[in-house]
Protein backbone atom coordinates (compact mmCIF):
# COMPACT_ATOMS: atom_id res chain seq x y z
CA UNK A 1 0.09 -0.23 -0.25
CA UNK A 2 1.68 3.16 -1.34
CA UNK A 3 1.54 6.43 1.01
CA UNK A 4 1.66 9.99 0.24
CA UNK A 5 4.78 12.26 1.44
CA UNK A 6 5.21 15.72 1.44
CA UNK A 7 8.65 16.81 1.77
CA UNK A 8 9.32 18.69 5.46
CA UNK A 9 9.75 22.09 6.54
CA UNK A 10 8.90 24.72 3.52
CA UNK A 11 8.55 22.38 0.81
CA UNK A 12 5.59 20.76 2.14
CA UNK A 13 3.86 24.02 1.48
CA UNK A 14 5.26 24.50 -1.78
CA UNK A 15 4.62 21.28 -3.46
CA UNK A 16 1.77 19.64 -1.14
CA UNK A 17 0.61 16.15 -1.80
CA UNK A 18 3.31 15.24 -4.18
CA UNK A 19 4.55 11.96 -4.12
CA UNK A 20 8.64 11.64 -3.71
CA UNK A 21 8.79 8.29 -5.60
CA UNK A 22 6.95 10.11 -8.82
CA UNK A 23 9.55 13.12 -8.59
CA UNK A 24 12.26 10.74 -10.01
CA UNK A 25 11.48 10.70 -13.42
CA UNK A 26 9.47 12.45 -15.86
CA UNK A 27 8.47 11.89 -19.54
CA UNK A 28 5.78 11.73 -21.31
CA UNK A 29 6.10 10.61 -25.14
CA UNK A 30 2.91 11.94 -26.24
CA UNK A 31 4.29 15.58 -25.83
CA UNK A 32 6.90 14.71 -28.41
CA UNK A 33 4.01 13.75 -31.09
CA UNK A 34 2.97 17.11 -29.90
CA UNK A 35 6.47 18.90 -30.88
CA UNK A 36 6.49 17.09 -34.05
CA UNK A 37 3.02 18.36 -34.91
CA UNK A 38 3.87 21.97 -33.86
CA UNK A 39 6.82 21.57 -36.46
CA UNK A 40 4.33 20.88 -39.06
CA UNK A 41 2.38 23.61 -38.12
CA UNK A 42 5.17 25.87 -38.83
CA UNK A 43 6.24 23.75 -41.90
CA UNK A 44 2.88 24.34 -43.47
CA UNK A 45 3.06 27.78 -42.70
CA UNK A 46 6.10 28.50 -44.56
CA UNK A 47 5.19 26.07 -47.33
CA UNK A 48 2.27 27.98 -48.39
CA UNK A 49 3.04 31.09 -50.78
CA UNK A 50 2.47 34.36 -49.54
CA UNK A 51 -1.29 35.34 -51.05
CA UNK A 52 -2.92 38.86 -50.10
CA UNK A 53 -6.11 39.59 -48.78
CA UNK A 54 -8.57 41.80 -50.60
CA UNK A 55 -11.85 42.53 -50.25
CA UNK A 56 -12.84 40.59 -53.54
CA UNK A 57 -10.95 37.90 -52.29
CA UNK A 58 -13.19 34.86 -52.18
CA UNK A 59 -13.40 31.91 -49.24
CA UNK A 60 -11.13 29.48 -50.71
CA UNK A 61 -8.60 31.86 -50.84
CA UNK A 62 -8.90 33.65 -47.43
CA UNK A 63 -9.41 29.64 -45.87
CA UNK A 64 -5.48 29.31 -47.45
CA UNK A 65 -4.22 32.53 -45.88
CA UNK A 66 -5.92 31.97 -42.35
CA UNK A 67 -4.28 28.00 -42.47
CA UNK A 68 -0.83 29.58 -43.24
CA UNK A 69 -1.03 32.05 -40.86
CA UNK A 70 -2.44 29.56 -38.04
CA UNK A 71 0.74 27.53 -38.61
CA UNK A 72 2.67 30.28 -37.01
CA UNK A 73 1.21 29.36 -33.63
CA UNK A 74 3.42 26.05 -33.81
CA UNK A 75 5.79 28.14 -32.63
CA UNK A 76 3.59 29.07 -29.51
CA UNK A 77 3.08 25.36 -28.83
CA UNK A 78 6.66 25.18 -28.53
CA UNK A 79 7.10 27.78 -26.18
CA UNK A 80 4.00 26.21 -24.01
CA UNK A 81 5.64 22.94 -23.99
CA UNK A 82 9.41 24.11 -23.09
CA UNK A 83 7.92 25.94 -20.18
CA UNK A 84 5.42 23.26 -18.86
CA UNK A 85 8.26 20.86 -19.13
CA UNK A 86 10.90 23.00 -17.40
CA UNK A 87 8.61 24.16 -14.55
CA UNK A 88 7.67 20.44 -14.05
CA UNK A 89 11.27 19.29 -13.69
CA UNK A 90 12.45 22.13 -11.49
CA UNK A 91 9.06 21.26 -9.24
CA UNK A 92 10.17 17.64 -9.11
CA UNK A 93 14.00 18.75 -8.71
CA UNK A 94 13.02 20.88 -5.58
CA UNK A 95 10.49 17.89 -4.27
CA UNK A 96 13.68 15.39 -4.55
CA UNK A 97 16.86 17.20 -3.49
CA UNK A 98 15.06 20.10 -1.34
CA UNK A 99 16.86 22.50 -3.95
CA UNK A 100 16.94 23.62 -7.31
CA UNK A 101 20.94 23.75 -8.56
CA UNK A 102 21.08 27.04 -10.97
CA UNK A 103 24.38 25.77 -12.35
CA UNK A 104 23.28 22.11 -13.17
CA UNK A 105 20.21 23.72 -15.03
CA UNK A 106 22.27 26.09 -16.98
CA UNK A 107 24.54 23.77 -18.23
CA UNK A 108 21.67 21.15 -19.26
CA UNK A 109 20.45 24.19 -21.17
CA UNK A 110 23.82 25.13 -22.84
CA UNK A 111 24.33 21.40 -23.79
CA UNK A 112 21.03 20.77 -25.32
CA UNK A 113 20.49 24.68 -27.30
CA UNK A 114 23.64 25.90 -28.08
CA UNK A 115 25.60 23.09 -30.02
CA UNK A 116 23.28 23.30 -32.79
CA UNK A 117 22.22 26.65 -32.35
CA UNK A 118 25.78 27.78 -32.66
CA UNK A 119 26.88 25.25 -35.17
CA UNK A 120 24.08 26.46 -37.89
CA UNK A 121 24.99 30.04 -37.24
CA UNK A 122 28.75 29.86 -37.87
CA UNK A 123 27.95 27.29 -40.75
CA UNK A 124 25.73 30.03 -42.67
CA UNK A 125 28.14 32.71 -41.67
CA UNK A 126 30.91 30.82 -43.55
CA UNK A 127 28.36 29.75 -46.70
CA UNK A 128 27.69 33.21 -46.83
CA UNK A 129 30.99 34.39 -47.84
CA UNK A 130 30.60 31.98 -50.76
CA UNK A 131 26.98 32.46 -51.49
CA UNK A 132 26.00 35.95 -51.19
CA UNK A 133 22.30 35.02 -50.99
CA UNK A 134 22.92 33.19 -47.77
CA UNK A 135 24.76 36.24 -46.03
CA UNK A 136 23.61 38.72 -43.49
CA UNK A 137 24.36 42.26 -42.42
CA UNK A 138 26.49 41.79 -39.54
CA UNK A 139 24.28 43.30 -37.00
CA UNK A 140 21.76 40.67 -37.75
CA UNK A 141 24.73 37.96 -37.38
CA UNK A 142 25.88 39.60 -33.98
CA UNK A 143 22.42 39.53 -32.32
CA UNK A 144 21.75 36.00 -33.55
CA UNK A 145 25.43 35.13 -31.78
CA UNK A 146 24.35 37.08 -28.57
CA UNK A 147 20.80 35.65 -28.30
CA UNK A 148 18.68 38.79 -28.96
CA UNK A 149 17.93 38.07 -32.65
CA UNK A 150 14.40 38.52 -32.37
CA UNK A 151 14.67 42.16 -30.99
CA UNK A 152 16.90 43.19 -33.97
CA UNK A 153 13.86 42.14 -36.54
CA UNK A 154 11.82 44.34 -33.80
CA UNK A 155 13.74 47.38 -35.21
CA UNK A 156 15.06 46.46 -38.58
CA UNK A 157 13.30 45.19 -41.59
CA UNK A 158 12.41 41.67 -41.47
CA UNK A 159 14.52 39.57 -44.21
CA UNK A 160 13.93 35.95 -45.67
CA UNK A 161 17.05 33.84 -44.90
CA UNK A 162 17.73 29.76 -43.79
CA UNK A 163 17.84 31.37 -40.42
CA UNK A 164 14.72 33.41 -40.06
CA UNK A 165 12.99 30.98 -37.65
CA UNK A 166 15.78 31.07 -34.91
CA UNK A 167 14.55 34.06 -33.45
CA UNK A 168 12.55 31.90 -31.30
CA UNK A 169 15.73 30.62 -29.85
CA UNK A 170 16.80 33.90 -28.50
CA UNK A 171 13.09 34.47 -26.89
CA UNK A 172 13.41 30.95 -25.30
CA UNK A 173 16.99 31.99 -24.00
CA UNK A 174 15.76 35.50 -22.77
CA UNK A 175 12.97 33.78 -20.88
CA UNK A 176 15.05 30.78 -19.13
CA UNK A 177 17.66 33.76 -17.71
CA UNK A 178 15.24 34.21 -14.61
CA UNK A 179 12.78 31.59 -14.65
CA UNK A 180 14.77 28.88 -12.52
CA UNK A 181 16.41 31.61 -9.87
CA UNK A 182 12.58 32.22 -9.45
CA UNK A 183 11.41 28.72 -8.97
CA UNK A 184 14.49 28.29 -6.78
CA UNK A 185 13.71 31.07 -4.28
CA UNK A 186 10.00 32.00 -4.27
CA UNK A 187 8.44 28.17 -5.13
CA UNK A 188 5.50 27.59 -6.76
CA UNK A 189 3.66 30.71 -5.31
CA UNK A 190 5.96 33.40 -7.10
CA UNK A 191 5.96 31.24 -10.53
CA UNK A 192 2.09 31.38 -10.63
CA UNK A 193 2.06 34.94 -9.45
CA UNK A 194 5.12 35.94 -12.16
CA UNK A 195 3.18 33.71 -14.91
CA UNK A 196 -0.47 35.77 -13.96
CA UNK A 197 1.63 38.89 -14.53
CA UNK A 198 3.40 37.95 -17.29
CA UNK A 199 -0.05 37.36 -18.79
CA UNK A 200 -1.10 40.75 -18.20
CA UNK A 201 1.77 42.36 -19.42
CA UNK A 202 1.29 40.64 -22.68
CA UNK A 203 -1.48 41.91 -23.34
CA UNK A 204 -0.43 45.23 -22.41
CA UNK A 205 2.56 45.34 -24.83
CA UNK A 206 0.49 44.12 -27.61
CA UNK A 207 -1.51 47.41 -27.09
CA UNK A 208 1.40 49.76 -26.74
CA UNK A 209 3.18 48.05 -29.61
CA UNK A 210 0.14 48.18 -31.87
CA UNK A 211 -0.43 51.98 -31.34
CA UNK A 212 2.88 52.12 -33.21
CA UNK A 213 1.33 50.82 -36.38
CA UNK A 214 4.98 50.03 -37.61
CA UNK A 215 4.78 46.63 -39.39
CA UNK A 216 2.35 45.39 -37.11
CA UNK A 217 2.04 41.73 -37.51
CA UNK A 218 6.16 41.59 -37.00
CA UNK A 219 6.76 43.88 -34.51
CA UNK A 220 4.12 42.13 -32.04
CA UNK A 221 4.81 38.76 -33.21
CA UNK A 222 8.71 38.88 -32.34
CA UNK A 223 8.18 40.59 -29.10
CA UNK A 224 9.68 39.20 -26.11
CA UNK A 225 6.98 40.13 -24.07
CA UNK A 226 4.25 39.33 -26.02
CA UNK A 227 5.49 35.73 -26.20
CA UNK A 228 6.16 35.25 -22.87
CA UNK A 229 2.73 34.87 -22.15
CA UNK A 230 2.98 31.20 -24.02
CA UNK A 231 5.84 30.41 -21.05
CA UNK A 232 3.36 31.54 -18.52
CA UNK A 233 0.44 29.28 -19.53
CA UNK A 234 3.07 26.26 -19.72
CA UNK A 235 3.89 27.05 -16.22
CA UNK A 236 0.53 27.62 -14.87
CA UNK A 237 -0.88 24.37 -16.60
CA UNK A 238 2.41 22.69 -14.22
CA UNK A 239 1.64 23.97 -11.47
CA UNK A 240 -2.25 22.98 -11.62
CA UNK A 241 -1.55 19.79 -13.00
CA UNK A 242 1.30 18.64 -10.75
CA UNK A 243 2.34 16.13 -13.09
CA UNK A 244 -1.28 14.53 -13.32
CA UNK A 245 -3.28 15.02 -16.69
CA UNK A 246 -7.15 15.84 -17.21
CA UNK A 247 -9.53 12.48 -17.55
CA UNK A 248 -10.61 13.06 -20.88
CA UNK A 249 -12.23 10.54 -22.94
CA UNK A 250 -11.80 10.22 -26.99
CA UNK A 251 -14.70 12.36 -27.92
CA UNK A 252 -13.25 14.79 -25.21
CA UNK A 253 -10.06 14.94 -26.38
CA UNK A 254 -11.33 15.74 -29.96
CA UNK A 255 -13.37 18.45 -29.04
CA UNK A 256 -10.75 19.88 -27.27
CA UNK A 257 -8.51 19.87 -30.40
CA UNK A 258 -11.30 21.00 -32.70
CA UNK A 259 -11.68 23.89 -31.00
CA UNK A 260 -8.13 24.64 -29.98
CA UNK A 261 -7.75 24.69 -34.22
CA UNK A 262 -10.97 27.08 -34.38
CA UNK A 263 -9.51 29.60 -31.94
CA UNK A 264 -6.30 29.56 -34.30
CA UNK A 265 -8.68 30.22 -37.42
CA UNK A 266 -10.00 32.73 -35.67
CA UNK A 267 -6.86 34.11 -34.74
CA UNK A 268 -5.69 34.07 -37.99
CA UNK A 269 -8.45 34.64 -40.10
CA UNK A 270 -11.12 36.73 -38.41
CA UNK A 271 -8.93 38.96 -36.44
CA UNK A 272 -5.92 38.79 -39.05
CA UNK A 273 -3.06 39.33 -36.44
CA UNK A 274 -0.60 37.81 -38.86
CA UNK A 275 -1.57 40.16 -42.12
CA UNK A 276 0.26 43.05 -42.58
CA UNK A 277 -2.16 44.49 -45.72
CA UNK A 278 -5.27 44.03 -42.87
CA UNK A 279 -3.76 46.60 -40.64
CA UNK A 280 -5.61 44.81 -37.41
CA UNK A 281 -6.91 47.17 -34.80
CA UNK A 282 -5.81 47.38 -31.36
CA UNK A 283 -8.72 45.30 -30.20
CA UNK A 284 -8.23 43.12 -32.90
CA UNK A 285 -4.82 42.04 -32.10
CA UNK A 286 -4.95 41.78 -28.14
CA UNK A 287 -8.26 39.27 -28.87
CA UNK A 288 -6.56 37.56 -31.48
CA UNK A 289 -3.54 36.86 -29.40
CA UNK A 290 -5.22 35.38 -26.52
CA UNK A 291 -7.60 33.38 -29.02
CA UNK A 292 -4.32 31.91 -30.35
CA UNK A 293 -3.44 31.27 -26.60
CA UNK A 294 -6.78 29.83 -25.60
CA UNK A 295 -6.15 27.34 -28.56
CA UNK A 296 -2.39 26.26 -27.86
CA UNK A 297 -3.50 25.49 -24.36
CA UNK A 298 -6.65 23.62 -25.68
CA UNK A 299 -4.37 21.72 -28.32
CA UNK A 300 -1.90 21.10 -25.52
CA UNK A 301 -4.70 19.18 -23.04
CA UNK A 302 -6.36 17.09 -25.66
CA UNK A 303 -2.90 15.22 -26.31
CA UNK A 304 -1.62 15.26 -22.78
CA UNK A 305 -2.02 11.92 -21.16
CA UNK A 306 -2.82 9.79 -24.52
CA UNK A 307 -1.92 6.50 -23.70
CA UNK A 308 2.18 5.49 -25.24
CA UNK A 309 0.40 2.42 -26.91
CA UNK A 310 -2.00 4.29 -29.20
CA UNK A 311 1.00 7.03 -30.35
CA UNK A 312 2.69 6.13 -33.36
CA UNK A 313 6.53 5.81 -32.53
CA UNK A 314 7.43 7.37 -35.67
CA UNK A 315 6.02 10.31 -34.63
CA UNK A 316 7.57 10.09 -31.51
CA UNK A 317 11.14 9.92 -32.54
CA UNK A 318 10.71 12.59 -34.93
CA UNK A 319 9.37 15.04 -31.97
CA UNK A 320 12.43 13.69 -30.35
CA UNK A 321 14.63 15.67 -33.32
CA UNK A 322 11.92 18.31 -33.59
CA UNK A 323 14.65 21.09 -32.74
CA UNK A 324 16.82 20.13 -35.46
CA UNK A 325 13.34 19.67 -37.48
CA UNK A 326 12.48 23.48 -36.65
CA UNK A 327 16.16 24.49 -37.06
CA UNK A 328 17.02 22.75 -40.64
CA UNK A 329 13.30 23.00 -42.34
CA UNK A 330 14.18 26.47 -44.12
CA UNK A 331 17.75 24.89 -45.24
CA UNK A 332 15.50 22.10 -46.53
CA UNK A 333 13.23 24.49 -48.53
CA UNK A 334 16.57 25.61 -49.96
CA UNK A 335 17.56 22.25 -51.10
CA UNK A 336 13.98 21.66 -52.54
CA UNK A 337 14.55 24.73 -54.82
CA UNK A 338 17.72 24.31 -55.81
CA UNK A 339 16.43 20.71 -57.28
CA UNK A 340 13.72 22.05 -58.56
CA UNK A 341 14.53 22.61 -62.06
CA UNK A 342 15.08 18.93 -62.24
CA UNK A 343 11.71 18.33 -61.21
CA UNK A 344 10.32 20.97 -63.90
CA UNK A 345 12.12 18.67 -66.66
CA UNK A 346 10.30 15.78 -65.56
CA UNK A 347 6.97 17.60 -65.84
CA UNK A 348 8.01 19.35 -69.08
CA UNK A 349 5.68 17.23 -70.92
CA UNK A 350 2.40 18.40 -68.70
CA UNK A 351 0.83 21.92 -68.79
CA UNK A 352 -2.08 23.22 -66.48
CA UNK A 353 -2.76 23.52 -62.91
CA UNK A 354 -2.11 19.55 -62.13
CA UNK A 355 1.77 19.57 -63.43
CA UNK A 356 1.99 22.96 -61.36
CA UNK A 357 0.32 21.30 -57.88
CA UNK A 358 2.53 18.06 -58.74
CA UNK A 359 5.74 20.25 -58.77
CA UNK A 360 4.17 22.04 -55.94
CA UNK A 361 3.88 18.66 -53.87
CA UNK A 362 7.30 17.31 -54.87
CA UNK A 363 9.21 20.55 -53.83
CA UNK A 364 7.72 20.46 -50.59
CA UNK A 365 8.31 16.63 -50.02
CA UNK A 366 11.67 17.26 -50.90
CA UNK A 367 11.87 20.07 -48.65
CA UNK A 368 10.52 17.74 -45.86
CA UNK A 369 12.96 14.88 -46.90
CA UNK A 370 15.72 16.73 -46.48
CA UNK A 371 14.67 18.36 -43.37
CA UNK A 372 14.25 15.08 -41.72
CA UNK A 373 17.35 13.52 -42.77
CA UNK A 374 19.64 16.71 -41.81
CA UNK A 375 17.89 16.82 -38.71
CA UNK A 376 18.51 12.91 -38.00
CA UNK A 377 22.29 13.16 -38.97
CA UNK A 378 22.33 16.31 -36.44
CA UNK A 379 20.98 14.40 -33.73
CA UNK A 380 23.33 11.52 -33.87
CA UNK A 381 26.44 13.45 -34.73
CA UNK A 382 26.35 16.54 -33.26
CA UNK A 383 23.76 16.32 -30.52
CA UNK A 384 23.69 13.25 -29.01
CA UNK A 385 27.49 13.60 -27.22
CA UNK A 386 26.35 16.86 -25.71
CA UNK A 387 22.99 14.97 -24.32
CA UNK A 388 25.46 12.41 -23.11
CA UNK A 389 27.23 15.03 -21.26
CA UNK A 390 23.98 16.44 -19.77
CA UNK A 391 23.10 13.34 -18.23
CA UNK A 392 25.66 14.35 -15.62
CA UNK A 393 24.18 17.36 -14.72
CA UNK A 394 20.44 15.69 -14.98
CA UNK A 395 18.82 15.54 -11.54
CA UNK A 396 15.04 14.31 -12.77
CA UNK A 397 15.28 12.10 -15.60
CA UNK A 398 13.20 12.56 -18.50
CA UNK A 399 13.47 11.42 -22.60
CA UNK A 400 16.43 8.99 -22.94
CA UNK A 401 18.78 10.28 -25.31
């Protein structure tokens, strides 16, 4: 017969009713599947050609634009997932050891994020000298190296490069500068309070930035204080759930998922928060971002707690390498574009929309295949040695390498 034990002293008030045995390990494979789904959202967003909206645009075009723009919110899932998992692991570390070891946390973070991030930055810095189309101006390069790439985009024109998606890594690293210290010295109470404040700060920031009316969909999107609300939501979910899940049947999960997708499509297709030509109002921006946040929470809850035997193992693996998928997918597009001439020759005998559609599918399929291959090689050859070293500083075991 198992009994529930709480940590002595002040820990019992911070982490009530948590079994010590359950603090030793935490891994949910369904969240790896969700990671892969989040990547696919971003991939689809960047795959669909840019289409402008006009008053005369038909329903079909508006739906495609809404789907494309909603794919951006896969990044929000990444942020929410990251905060949920790290807050939960910090919570369990405090329960298991009576403390949070800041040095170990930052070493784990560096060993997980920095090798691939800086390797791909340095690689493109070198390749940019050979192929000017890959080069970035010194200021943008320096900002990325200093992990403030999102703020460079905020103050300068946004350009399409194979590294454009890495702005989100800067946001993550900025968030985790102080988060473990707050967990260490303030416990769950301060984490919860700060999370609530961050949501309010995000809403206020959306209002302030929106009032400037300058490149609105980009300057709001890349602002750290706007995106911090998704980290806050992940932390609140970790605190509220305390390692458990909501008991949802299949119908409940499907309903939550569809409602989450509907929230995303509303944010992108009704409030138009990612459409530069729409010039959305301040109220639309705030309401749209909160709809995107609600959608992210609902999609997360719809997946959390799915039985491992119901999950496709290939998707678990692809979620495991999702960091590489996200980092390399723009490179995958570049590879696909470079071989598209060959694909056009193969379809030279065909004309009309069918040939065009076939070429489009081939191009994006090639991009996805190249992205997966690069990510597998990166995970095996570059990331795994650092992940094995990361184990030495791990207190609560999670996913294996």
